[in-house]
N, C-alpha and C. Protein backbone atom coordinates (compact mmCIF):
# COMPACT_ATOMS: atom_id res chain seq x y z
N UNK A 1 1.13 -7.79 15.23
CA UNK A 1 2.28 -8.09 14.40
C UNK A 1 1.85 -8.47 12.99
N UNK A 2 0.76 -9.22 12.86
CA UNK A 2 0.31 -9.66 11.54
C UNK A 2 -0.12 -8.47 10.68
N UNK A 3 -0.74 -7.48 11.28
CA UNK A 3 -1.16 -6.31 10.49
C UNK A 3 0.03 -5.52 9.97
N UNK A 4 1.12 -5.51 10.71
CA UNK A 4 2.34 -4.85 10.24
C UNK A 4 2.87 -5.57 9.00
N UNK A 5 2.86 -6.89 9.04
CA UNK A 5 3.31 -7.68 7.89
C UNK A 5 2.37 -7.44 6.71
N UNK A 6 1.06 -7.39 6.98
CA UNK A 6 0.09 -7.14 5.92
C UNK A 6 0.34 -5.78 5.26
N UNK A 7 0.62 -4.76 6.07
CA UNK A 7 0.90 -3.42 5.53
C UNK A 7 2.17 -3.43 4.69
N UNK A 8 3.21 -4.12 5.15
CA UNK A 8 4.46 -4.19 4.40
C UNK A 8 4.26 -4.89 3.07
N UNK A 9 3.54 -6.01 3.09
CA UNK A 9 3.27 -6.74 1.85
C UNK A 9 2.45 -5.90 0.87
N UNK A 10 1.43 -5.22 1.38
CA UNK A 10 0.58 -4.39 0.52
C UNK A 10 1.38 -3.24 -0.08
N UNK A 11 2.23 -2.59 0.71
CA UNK A 11 3.04 -1.47 0.20
C UNK A 11 4.01 -1.95 -0.87
N UNK A 12 4.66 -3.07 -0.62
CA UNK A 12 5.63 -3.61 -1.59
C UNK A 12 4.93 -3.98 -2.91
N UNK A 13 3.80 -4.66 -2.80
CA UNK A 13 3.06 -5.08 -4.00
C UNK A 13 2.50 -3.88 -4.75
N UNK A 14 2.01 -2.88 -4.02
CA UNK A 14 1.45 -1.69 -4.67
C UNK A 14 2.53 -0.90 -5.40
N UNK A 15 3.69 -0.73 -4.78
CA UNK A 15 4.78 -0.01 -5.43
C UNK A 15 5.21 -0.74 -6.70
N UNK A 16 5.25 -2.05 -6.63
CA UNK A 16 5.66 -2.84 -7.81
C UNK A 16 4.63 -2.70 -8.93
N UNK A 17 3.34 -2.75 -8.58
CA UNK A 17 2.28 -2.60 -9.58
C UNK A 17 2.34 -1.21 -10.22
N UNK A 18 2.65 -0.22 -9.43
CA UNK A 18 2.72 1.15 -9.93
C UNK A 18 3.91 1.35 -10.87
N UNK A 19 5.06 0.83 -10.50
CA UNK A 19 6.29 1.09 -11.26
C UNK A 19 6.30 0.44 -12.64
N UNK A 20 5.53 -0.62 -12.84
CA UNK A 20 5.52 -1.29 -14.14
C UNK A 20 4.38 -0.82 -15.04
N UNK A 21 3.58 0.11 -14.56
CA UNK A 21 2.43 0.60 -15.34
C UNK A 21 2.88 1.49 -16.49
N UNK A 22 2.02 1.61 -17.49
CA UNK A 22 2.31 2.46 -18.65
C UNK A 22 2.16 3.94 -18.33
N UNK A 23 1.27 4.26 -17.38
CA UNK A 23 1.08 5.66 -17.00
C UNK A 23 0.61 5.71 -15.54
N UNK A 24 0.63 6.92 -14.96
CA UNK A 24 0.33 7.08 -13.53
C UNK A 24 -1.10 6.62 -13.19
N UNK A 25 -2.06 6.99 -14.01
CA UNK A 25 -3.46 6.61 -13.74
C UNK A 25 -3.65 5.11 -13.70
N UNK A 26 -3.09 4.43 -14.71
CA UNK A 26 -3.19 2.97 -14.73
C UNK A 26 -2.43 2.35 -13.56
N UNK A 27 -1.30 2.96 -13.22
CA UNK A 27 -0.50 2.46 -12.11
C UNK A 27 -1.23 2.58 -10.78
N UNK A 28 -1.87 3.71 -10.55
CA UNK A 28 -2.63 3.90 -9.31
C UNK A 28 -3.79 2.90 -9.25
N UNK A 29 -4.47 2.71 -10.38
CA UNK A 29 -5.58 1.75 -10.41
C UNK A 29 -5.08 0.33 -10.09
N UNK A 30 -3.95 -0.05 -10.68
CA UNK A 30 -3.39 -1.39 -10.42
C UNK A 30 -2.94 -1.52 -8.98
N UNK A 31 -2.30 -0.47 -8.46
CA UNK A 31 -1.83 -0.51 -7.07
C UNK A 31 -3.01 -0.56 -6.11
N UNK A 32 -4.06 0.23 -6.37
CA UNK A 32 -5.25 0.18 -5.53
C UNK A 32 -5.88 -1.21 -5.53
N UNK A 33 -5.88 -1.85 -6.69
CA UNK A 33 -6.43 -3.21 -6.78
C UNK A 33 -5.62 -4.19 -5.93
N UNK A 34 -4.31 -4.07 -5.97
CA UNK A 34 -3.44 -4.93 -5.18
C UNK A 34 -3.70 -4.73 -3.69
N UNK A 35 -3.81 -3.48 -3.27
CA UNK A 35 -4.06 -3.18 -1.86
C UNK A 35 -5.44 -3.70 -1.45
N UNK A 36 -6.44 -3.49 -2.30
CA UNK A 36 -7.79 -3.97 -2.02
C UNK A 36 -7.81 -5.48 -1.86
N UNK A 37 -7.10 -6.18 -2.71
CA UNK A 37 -7.02 -7.64 -2.64
C UNK A 37 -6.34 -8.07 -1.34
N UNK A 38 -5.29 -7.37 -0.95
CA UNK A 38 -4.60 -7.69 0.30
C UNK A 38 -5.52 -7.47 1.50
N UNK A 39 -6.31 -6.40 1.45
CA UNK A 39 -7.26 -6.11 2.54
C UNK A 39 -8.25 -7.25 2.68
N UNK A 40 -8.84 -7.67 1.57
CA UNK A 40 -9.82 -8.75 1.58
C UNK A 40 -9.18 -10.07 2.02
N UNK A 41 -8.03 -10.39 1.44
CA UNK A 41 -7.37 -11.67 1.73
C UNK A 41 -6.94 -11.79 3.19
N UNK A 42 -6.64 -10.67 3.82
CA UNK A 42 -6.14 -10.71 5.19
C UNK A 42 -7.20 -10.37 6.23
N UNK A 43 -8.45 -10.23 5.78
CA UNK A 43 -9.54 -10.00 6.71
C UNK A 43 -9.53 -8.63 7.38
N UNK A 44 -8.91 -7.65 6.72
CA UNK A 44 -8.87 -6.30 7.27
C UNK A 44 -10.13 -5.54 6.86
N UNK A 45 -10.52 -4.60 7.68
CA UNK A 45 -11.63 -3.73 7.31
C UNK A 45 -11.09 -2.63 6.41
N UNK A 46 -11.71 -2.40 5.25
CA UNK A 46 -11.22 -1.35 4.36
C UNK A 46 -11.07 0.01 5.05
N UNK A 47 -11.91 0.30 6.02
CA UNK A 47 -11.82 1.57 6.73
C UNK A 47 -10.56 1.68 7.59
N UNK A 48 -9.92 0.54 7.87
CA UNK A 48 -8.70 0.52 8.69
C UNK A 48 -7.43 0.69 7.88
N UNK A 49 -7.56 0.86 6.56
CA UNK A 49 -6.38 0.92 5.69
C UNK A 49 -6.44 2.20 4.85
N UNK A 50 -5.31 2.93 4.84
CA UNK A 50 -5.18 4.07 3.94
C UNK A 50 -3.92 3.88 3.11
N UNK A 51 -3.92 4.43 1.92
CA UNK A 51 -2.78 4.27 1.02
C UNK A 51 -2.56 5.57 0.26
N UNK A 52 -1.30 5.88 -0.02
CA UNK A 52 -0.99 7.03 -0.86
C UNK A 52 0.25 6.69 -1.69
N UNK A 53 0.34 7.35 -2.82
CA UNK A 53 1.43 7.10 -3.76
C UNK A 53 2.13 8.41 -4.08
N UNK A 54 3.44 8.34 -4.23
CA UNK A 54 4.22 9.50 -4.60
C UNK A 54 5.26 9.09 -5.64
N UNK A 55 5.78 10.07 -6.34
CA UNK A 55 6.86 9.81 -7.28
C UNK A 55 6.48 10.12 -8.71
N UNK A 56 7.26 9.55 -9.61
CA UNK A 56 7.09 9.80 -11.04
C UNK A 56 7.48 8.54 -11.80
N UNK A 57 6.80 8.30 -12.91
CA UNK A 57 7.13 7.16 -13.76
C UNK A 57 8.15 7.51 -14.84
N UNK A 58 8.75 8.68 -14.74
CA UNK A 58 9.79 9.06 -15.69
C UNK A 58 10.99 8.14 -15.51
N UNK A 59 11.67 7.80 -16.59
CA UNK A 59 12.83 6.92 -16.48
C UNK A 59 13.85 7.42 -15.46
N UNK A 60 14.31 6.51 -14.59
CA UNK A 60 15.30 6.84 -13.58
C UNK A 60 14.74 7.40 -12.29
N UNK A 61 13.46 7.69 -12.24
CA UNK A 61 12.83 8.23 -11.03
C UNK A 61 12.43 7.09 -10.09
N UNK A 62 11.71 7.44 -9.03
CA UNK A 62 11.22 6.45 -8.08
C UNK A 62 9.75 6.68 -7.80
N UNK A 63 9.06 5.60 -7.44
CA UNK A 63 7.68 5.68 -6.97
C UNK A 63 7.63 5.02 -5.60
N UNK A 64 6.74 5.51 -4.77
CA UNK A 64 6.58 4.95 -3.43
C UNK A 64 5.11 4.71 -3.14
N UNK A 65 4.86 3.65 -2.38
CA UNK A 65 3.52 3.37 -1.86
C UNK A 65 3.63 3.38 -0.34
N UNK A 66 2.71 4.08 0.29
CA UNK A 66 2.67 4.16 1.74
C UNK A 66 1.32 3.61 2.19
N UNK A 67 1.36 2.55 2.97
CA UNK A 67 0.14 1.90 3.46
C UNK A 67 0.11 2.01 4.97
N UNK A 68 -0.99 2.54 5.49
CA UNK A 68 -1.18 2.66 6.93
C UNK A 68 -2.35 1.78 7.34
N UNK A 69 -2.12 0.98 8.37
CA UNK A 69 -3.12 0.03 8.85
C UNK A 69 -3.43 0.33 10.31
N UNK A 70 -4.72 0.37 10.65
CA UNK A 70 -5.13 0.53 12.04
C UNK A 70 -4.96 -0.80 12.77
N UNK A 71 -4.38 -0.74 13.96
CA UNK A 71 -4.14 -1.94 14.76
C UNK A 71 -4.86 -1.76 16.10
N UNK A 72 -5.82 -2.66 16.41
CA UNK A 72 -6.50 -2.55 17.70
C UNK A 72 -5.51 -2.70 18.84
N UNK A 73 -5.65 -1.85 19.86
CA UNK A 73 -4.73 -1.87 20.99
C UNK A 73 -5.10 -2.96 21.99
N UNK A 74 -6.37 -3.11 22.28
CA UNK A 74 -6.76 -4.11 23.28
C UNK A 74 -8.19 -4.57 23.11
N UNK A 75 -8.50 -5.68 23.76
CA UNK A 75 -9.83 -6.25 23.72
C UNK A 75 -10.29 -6.40 25.16
N UNK A 76 -11.28 -5.59 25.55
CA UNK A 76 -11.81 -5.64 26.91
C UNK A 76 -13.08 -6.48 26.90
N UNK A 77 -13.12 -7.55 27.70
CA UNK A 77 -14.33 -8.39 27.74
C UNK A 77 -15.58 -7.55 28.02
N UNK A 78 -16.59 -7.76 27.22
CA UNK A 78 -17.84 -7.02 27.37
C UNK A 78 -17.88 -5.71 26.60
N UNK A 79 -16.71 -5.14 26.32
CA UNK A 79 -16.64 -3.88 25.57
C UNK A 79 -16.14 -4.07 24.15
N UNK A 80 -15.35 -5.09 23.94
CA UNK A 80 -14.78 -5.33 22.62
C UNK A 80 -13.45 -4.63 22.46
N UNK A 81 -13.14 -4.27 21.22
CA UNK A 81 -11.86 -3.63 20.92
C UNK A 81 -11.83 -2.21 21.44
N UNK A 82 -10.75 -1.85 22.11
CA UNK A 82 -10.60 -0.52 22.69
C UNK A 82 -9.32 0.11 22.17
N UNK A 83 -9.44 1.24 21.52
CA UNK A 83 -8.27 1.97 21.05
C UNK A 83 -7.66 1.39 19.79
N UNK A 84 -7.00 2.27 19.06
CA UNK A 84 -6.33 1.87 17.83
C UNK A 84 -5.03 2.65 17.70
N UNK A 85 -3.98 1.95 17.30
CA UNK A 85 -2.75 2.63 16.91
C UNK A 85 -2.57 2.36 15.42
N UNK A 86 -1.66 3.07 14.80
CA UNK A 86 -1.48 2.93 13.35
C UNK A 86 -0.05 2.51 13.04
N UNK A 87 0.06 1.58 12.09
CA UNK A 87 1.36 1.14 11.60
C UNK A 87 1.45 1.55 10.14
N UNK A 88 2.56 2.19 9.78
CA UNK A 88 2.75 2.65 8.40
C UNK A 88 3.94 1.93 7.78
N UNK A 89 3.70 1.38 6.58
CA UNK A 89 4.76 0.72 5.82
C UNK A 89 4.96 1.49 4.52
N UNK A 90 6.21 1.60 4.10
CA UNK A 90 6.54 2.33 2.87
C UNK A 90 7.43 1.44 2.01
N UNK A 91 7.15 1.44 0.72
CA UNK A 91 7.99 0.70 -0.21
C UNK A 91 8.27 1.60 -1.41
N UNK A 92 9.52 1.62 -1.85
CA UNK A 92 9.94 2.45 -2.97
C UNK A 92 10.54 1.57 -4.05
N UNK A 93 10.18 1.86 -5.28
CA UNK A 93 10.70 1.14 -6.44
C UNK A 93 11.35 2.13 -7.40
N UNK A 94 12.44 1.73 -7.99
CA UNK A 94 13.16 2.53 -8.98
C UNK A 94 12.54 2.27 -10.36
N UNK A 95 12.26 3.34 -11.09
CA UNK A 95 11.74 3.22 -12.45
C UNK A 95 12.92 2.93 -13.37
N UNK A 96 12.76 1.91 -14.19
CA UNK A 96 13.81 1.50 -15.11
C UNK A 96 14.31 2.71 -15.92
N UNK A 97 15.60 2.93 -15.89
CA UNK A 97 16.20 4.08 -16.59
C UNK A 97 16.06 3.98 -18.11
N UNK A 98 15.82 2.77 -18.61
CA UNK A 98 15.77 2.58 -20.06
C UNK A 98 14.36 2.41 -20.60
N UNK A 99 13.37 2.57 -19.74
CA UNK A 99 12.00 2.43 -20.23
C UNK A 99 11.59 3.69 -20.99
N UNK A 100 10.58 3.55 -21.82
CA UNK A 100 10.05 4.72 -22.53
C UNK A 100 9.34 5.62 -21.53
N UNK A 101 9.34 6.90 -21.79
CA UNK A 101 8.63 7.83 -20.92
C UNK A 101 7.16 7.46 -20.87
N UNK A 102 6.50 7.69 -19.72
CA UNK A 102 5.08 7.31 -19.60
C UNK A 102 4.21 8.10 -20.56
N UNK A 103 3.14 7.45 -20.99
CA UNK A 103 2.22 8.11 -21.94
C UNK A 103 1.20 8.95 -21.22
């Protein structure tokens, strides 16, 4: 359950970082930094997290961040963690209709 919350928080923060950026490249860099910080702060393994971004920073458009987190299915004594399922969180932000077009 905690990893689902972590994915939701990371997706929401990444989408917000992306939507306020001056351009797509800077936005992706800022969003990646937010996700990386969430991974470290929540004790997740970077290999267990994937992220992708879609959309446009043109005024009136939308951007989305999709974060997928691997969730261990079970812990077998003597064997450790067995199996993984994936939880995907998506967050979408509206680009301000009155902002200047991205550079």
